[in-house]
Amino acid sequence: MTATIEKVVLPPIPAKRYFTIGEVSELCGVKPHVLRYWEQEFTQLKPVKRRGNRRYYQHHEVLLIRRIRELLYEQGFTINGARNRLDSHGGGGPDTVVEEGEGAGGAAAQTQASAATVAVDVEKLRQELQNVIELLGH
């Protein structure tokens, strides 16, 4: 039984300073309870908490959540593997080498998946840069 992992196209991140957990959930394709769990597992993820313990995420945290989601859901990492990847590679790119046993397939499958991911990520990167330009311009 082979599972096919499809690259999910996420919506562009609006030019805002803070995002609620509901907004981040929609922007990243992850349920709010998963975001709260990831806060405990990934020390880099520290949303600002305001009145009533409400979480407010900044733009860089939304990008980090998207990266965590990619590592876990698309590249097949475990929580520990994703945490180690983020710690050791500063988030790493889609074309970084995957240690044996960490990825979602063998070396050939990983290379093929990486090539496809890189092609898709160029457009994603272009959109993220456009969002940053808009943020700086306003």
C-alpha atoms as a PDB file:
ATOM      1  CA  MET A   1       0.000   0.000   0.000  1.00  0.00           C
ATOM      2  CA  THR A   2       1.658   3.219  -1.163  1.00  0.00           C
ATOM      3  CA  ALA A   3       0.458   6.571   0.101  1.00  0.00           C
ATOM      4  CA  THR A   4       0.657   9.429  -2.358  1.00  0.00           C
ATOM      5  CA  ILE A   5       1.569  12.741  -0.805  1.00  0.00           C
ATOM      6  CA  GLU A   6       0.191  15.716  -2.676  1.00  0.00           C
ATOM      7  CA  LYS A   7       1.596  19.207  -2.373  1.00  0.00           C
ATOM      8  CA  VAL A   8      -1.179  21.363  -0.942  1.00  0.00           C
ATOM      9  CA  VAL A   9      -1.417  24.893  -2.303  1.00  0.00           C
ATOM     10  CA  LEU A  10      -1.851  27.205   0.675  1.00  0.00           C
ATOM     11  CA  PRO A  11      -3.382  30.682   0.392  1.00  0.00           C
ATOM     12  CA  PRO A  12      -1.078  33.719   0.323  1.00  0.00           C
ATOM     13  CA  ILE A  13      -0.317  35.291   3.683  1.00  0.00           C
ATOM     14  CA  PRO A  14      -1.990  38.718   3.984  1.00  0.00           C
ATOM     15  CA  ALA A  15       0.075  41.790   4.831  1.00  0.00           C
ATOM     16  CA  LYS A  16      -0.809  41.977   8.526  1.00  0.00           C
ATOM     17  CA  ARG A  17       1.213  42.223  11.706  1.00  0.00           C
ATOM     18  CA  TYR A  18      -0.685  39.658  13.798  1.00  0.00           C
ATOM     19  CA  PHE A  19      -2.853  36.651  13.014  1.00  0.00           C
ATOM     20  CA  THR A  20      -5.308  34.813  15.282  1.00  0.00           C
ATOM     21  CA  ILE A  21      -5.079  31.046  15.713  1.00  0.00           C
ATOM     22  CA  GLY A  22      -8.141  30.655  13.467  1.00  0.00           C
ATOM     23  CA  GLU A  23      -6.528  32.684  10.688  1.00  0.00           C
ATOM     24  CA  VAL A  24      -3.267  30.744  10.982  1.00  0.00           C
ATOM     25  CA  SER A  25      -5.232  27.495  10.928  1.00  0.00           C
ATOM     26  CA  GLU A  26      -6.757  28.474   7.561  1.00  0.00           C
ATOM     27  CA  LEU A  27      -3.512  29.908   6.145  1.00  0.00           C
ATOM     28  CA  CYS A  28      -1.518  26.787   7.019  1.00  0.00           C
ATOM     29  CA  GLY A  29      -4.102  24.033   6.567  1.00  0.00           C
ATOM     30  CA  VAL A  30      -3.695  22.844  10.170  1.00  0.00           C
ATOM     31  CA  LYS A  31      -6.371  22.635  12.879  1.00  0.00           C
ATOM     32  CA  PRO A  32      -6.024  24.953  15.915  1.00  0.00           C
ATOM     33  CA  HIS A  33      -5.459  22.087  18.368  1.00  0.00           C
ATOM     34  CA  VAL A  34      -2.526  20.931  16.227  1.00  0.00           C
ATOM     35  CA  LEU A  35      -1.038  24.460  16.363  1.00  0.00           C
ATOM     36  CA  ARG A  36      -1.306  24.455  20.171  1.00  0.00           C
ATOM     37  CA  TYR A  37       0.384  21.056  20.273  1.00  0.00           C
ATOM     38  CA  TRP A  38       3.192  22.214  17.982  1.00  0.00           C
ATOM     39  CA  GLU A  39       3.849  25.132  20.363  1.00  0.00           C
ATOM     40  CA  GLN A  40       4.811  22.566  22.981  1.00  0.00           C
ATOM     41  CA  GLU A  41       6.977  20.556  20.577  1.00  0.00           C
ATOM     42  CA  PHE A  42       8.804  23.332  18.691  1.00  0.00           C
ATOM     43  CA  THR A  43      10.518  25.918  20.901  1.00  0.00           C
ATOM     44  CA  GLN A  44      10.858  28.328  17.942  1.00  0.00           C
ATOM     45  CA  LEU A  45       7.072  28.707  17.898  1.00  0.00           C
ATOM     46  CA  LYS A  46       6.129  31.323  20.492  1.00  0.00           C
ATOM     47  CA  PRO A  47       3.009  33.324  19.616  1.00  0.00           C
ATOM     48  CA  VAL A  48       2.288  36.450  21.626  1.00  0.00           C
ATOM     49  CA  LYS A  49      -0.424  35.831  24.198  1.00  0.00           C
ATOM     50  CA  ARG A  50      -2.720  38.691  25.100  1.00  0.00           C
ATOM     51  CA  ARG A  51      -5.950  39.165  27.010  1.00  0.00           C
ATOM     52  CA  GLY A  52      -7.635  35.918  27.894  1.00  0.00           C
ATOM     53  CA  ASN A  53      -4.545  33.958  26.787  1.00  0.00           C
ATOM     54  CA  ARG A  54      -5.460  34.558  23.123  1.00  0.00           C
ATOM     55  CA  ARG A  55      -2.654  33.704  20.716  1.00  0.00           C
ATOM     56  CA  TYR A  56      -1.427  36.139  18.094  1.00  0.00           C
ATOM     57  CA  TYR A  57       1.052  34.857  15.527  1.00  0.00           C
ATOM     58  CA  GLN A  58       3.456  37.050  13.564  1.00  0.00           C
ATOM     59  CA  HIS A  59       4.321  36.622   9.891  1.00  0.00           C
ATOM     60  CA  HIS A  60       7.570  34.714  10.554  1.00  0.00           C
ATOM     61  CA  GLU A  61       5.676  32.264  12.775  1.00  0.00           C
ATOM     62  CA  VAL A  62       3.139  31.599  10.026  1.00  0.00           C
ATOM     63  CA  LEU A  63       6.063  30.802   7.697  1.00  0.00           C
ATOM     64  CA  LEU A  64       7.576  28.538  10.377  1.00  0.00           C
ATOM     65  CA  ILE A  65       4.270  26.694  10.789  1.00  0.00           C
ATOM     66  CA  ARG A  66       4.103  26.175   7.031  1.00  0.00           C
ATOM     67  CA  ARG A  67       7.656  24.773   7.132  1.00  0.00           C
ATOM     68  CA  ILE A  68       6.780  22.440  10.031  1.00  0.00           C
ATOM     69  CA  ARG A  69       3.682  21.316   8.145  1.00  0.00           C
ATOM     70  CA  GLU A  70       5.776  20.628   5.042  1.00  0.00           C
ATOM     71  CA  LEU A  71       8.322  18.585   7.021  1.00  0.00           C
ATOM     72  CA  LEU A  72       5.673  16.523   8.811  1.00  0.00           C
ATOM     73  CA  TYR A  73       2.948  16.099   6.214  1.00  0.00           C
ATOM     74  CA  GLU A  74       4.748  16.293   2.873  1.00  0.00           C
ATOM     75  CA  GLN A  75       8.270  15.039   3.588  1.00  0.00           C
ATOM     76  CA  GLY A  76       7.279  12.387   6.134  1.00  0.00           C
ATOM     77  CA  PHE A  77       9.369  13.545   9.088  1.00  0.00           C
ATOM     78  CA  THR A  78       8.517  12.600  12.653  1.00  0.00           C
ATOM     79  CA  ILE A  79       8.112  15.377  15.247  1.00  0.00           C
ATOM     80  CA  ASN A  80      11.652  14.655  16.492  1.00  0.00           C
ATOM     81  CA  GLY A  81      13.024  14.579  12.967  1.00  0.00           C
ATOM     82  CA  ALA A  82      11.350  17.869  12.068  1.00  0.00           C
ATOM     83  CA  ARG A  83      12.585  19.453  15.313  1.00  0.00           C
ATOM     84  CA  ASN A  84      16.137  18.300  14.596  1.00  0.00           C
ATOM     85  CA  ARG A  85      15.922  19.547  11.004  1.00  0.00           C
ATOM     86  CA  LEU A  86      14.761  22.989  12.144  1.00  0.00           C
ATOM     87  CA  ASP A  87      17.423  23.153  14.877  1.00  0.00           C
ATOM     88  CA  SER A  88      20.335  21.999  12.726  1.00  0.00           C
ATOM     89  CA  HIS A  89      19.475  23.602   9.398  1.00  0.00           C
ATOM     90  CA  GLY A  90      17.648  26.720  10.483  1.00  0.00           C
ATOM     91  CA  GLY A  91      14.539  25.382   8.797  1.00  0.00           C
ATOM     92  CA  GLY A  92      16.376  23.898   5.843  1.00  0.00           C
ATOM     93  CA  GLY A  93      15.130  24.050   2.302  1.00  0.00           C
ATOM     94  CA  PRO A  94      13.174  21.503   0.330  1.00  0.00           C
ATOM     95  CA  ASP A  95      16.387  20.408  -1.398  1.00  0.00           C
ATOM     96  CA  THR A  96      18.397  19.734   1.769  1.00  0.00           C
ATOM     97  CA  VAL A  97      19.602  16.186   2.277  1.00  0.00           C
ATOM     98  CA  VAL A  98      17.322  13.934   4.297  1.00  0.00           C
ATOM     99  CA  GLU A  99      19.006  11.519   6.695  1.00  0.00           C
ATOM    100  CA  GLU A 100      18.207   7.874   6.091  1.00  0.00           C
ATOM    101  CA  GLY A 101      15.020   6.785   7.814  1.00  0.00           C
ATOM    102  CA  GLU A 102      13.714  10.337   8.158  1.00  0.00           C
ATOM    103  CA  GLY A 103      12.114  10.933   4.775  1.00  0.00           C
ATOM    104  CA  ALA A 104       9.036   9.495   3.149  1.00  0.00           C
ATOM    105  CA  GLY A 105      10.895   7.217   0.738  1.00  0.00           C
ATOM    106  CA  GLY A 106      14.216   5.960  -0.591  1.00  0.00           C
ATOM    107  CA  ALA A 107      16.998   8.131  -1.997  1.00  0.00           C
ATOM    108  CA  ALA A 108      15.650   8.075  -5.564  1.00  0.00           C
ATOM    109  CA  ALA A 109      12.106   8.859  -4.444  1.00  0.00           C
ATOM    110  CA  GLN A 110      13.411  11.648  -2.203  1.00  0.00           C
ATOM    111  CA  THR A 111      15.437  13.202  -5.031  1.00  0.00           C
ATOM    112  CA  GLN A 112      12.421  13.080  -7.322  1.00  0.00           C
ATOM    113  CA  ALA A 113      10.176  14.587  -4.622  1.00  0.00           C
ATOM    114  CA  SER A 114      12.745  17.303  -3.903  1.00  0.00           C
ATOM    115  CA  ALA A 115      12.972  18.304  -7.561  1.00  0.00           C
ATOM    116  CA  ALA A 116       9.181  18.598  -7.762  1.00  0.00           C
ATOM    117  CA  THR A 117       9.035  20.522  -4.483  1.00  0.00           C
ATOM    118  CA  VAL A 118      11.715  22.977  -5.622  1.00  0.00           C
ATOM    119  CA  ALA A 119       9.740  23.793  -8.768  1.00  0.00           C
ATOM    120  CA  VAL A 120       6.619  24.517  -6.728  1.00  0.00           C
ATOM    121  CA  ASP A 121       8.493  26.426  -4.026  1.00  0.00           C
ATOM    122  CA  VAL A 122       9.818  29.051  -6.450  1.00  0.00           C
ATOM    123  CA  GLU A 123       6.291  30.360  -6.929  1.00  0.00           C
ATOM    124  CA  LYS A 124       5.644  30.111  -3.194  1.00  0.00           C
ATOM    125  CA  LEU A 125       8.840  32.055  -2.501  1.00  0.00           C
ATOM    126  CA  ARG A 126       7.887  34.693  -5.072  1.00  0.00           C
ATOM    127  CA  GLN A 127       4.512  35.171  -3.331  1.00  0.00           C
ATOM    128  CA  GLU A 128       6.124  35.366   0.122  1.00  0.00           C
ATOM    129  CA  LEU A 129       8.590  37.996  -1.119  1.00  0.00           C
ATOM    130  CA  GLN A 130       5.699  39.971  -2.621  1.00  0.00           C
ATOM    131  CA  ASN A 131       3.959  39.846   0.768  1.00  0.00           C
ATOM    132  CA  VAL A 132       7.103  41.167   2.479  1.00  0.00           C
ATOM    133  CA  ILE A 133       7.380  43.988  -0.073  1.00  0.00           C
ATOM    134  CA  GLU A 134       3.746  44.907   0.589  1.00  0.00           C
ATOM    135  CA  LEU A 135       4.356  44.834   4.347  1.00  0.00           C
ATOM    136  CA  LEU A 136       7.343  47.146   4.025  1.00  0.00           C
ATOM    137  CA  GLY A 137       5.550  49.443   1.605  1.00  0.00           C
ATOM    138  CA  HIS A 138       2.577  50.153   3.886  1.00  0.00           C
END
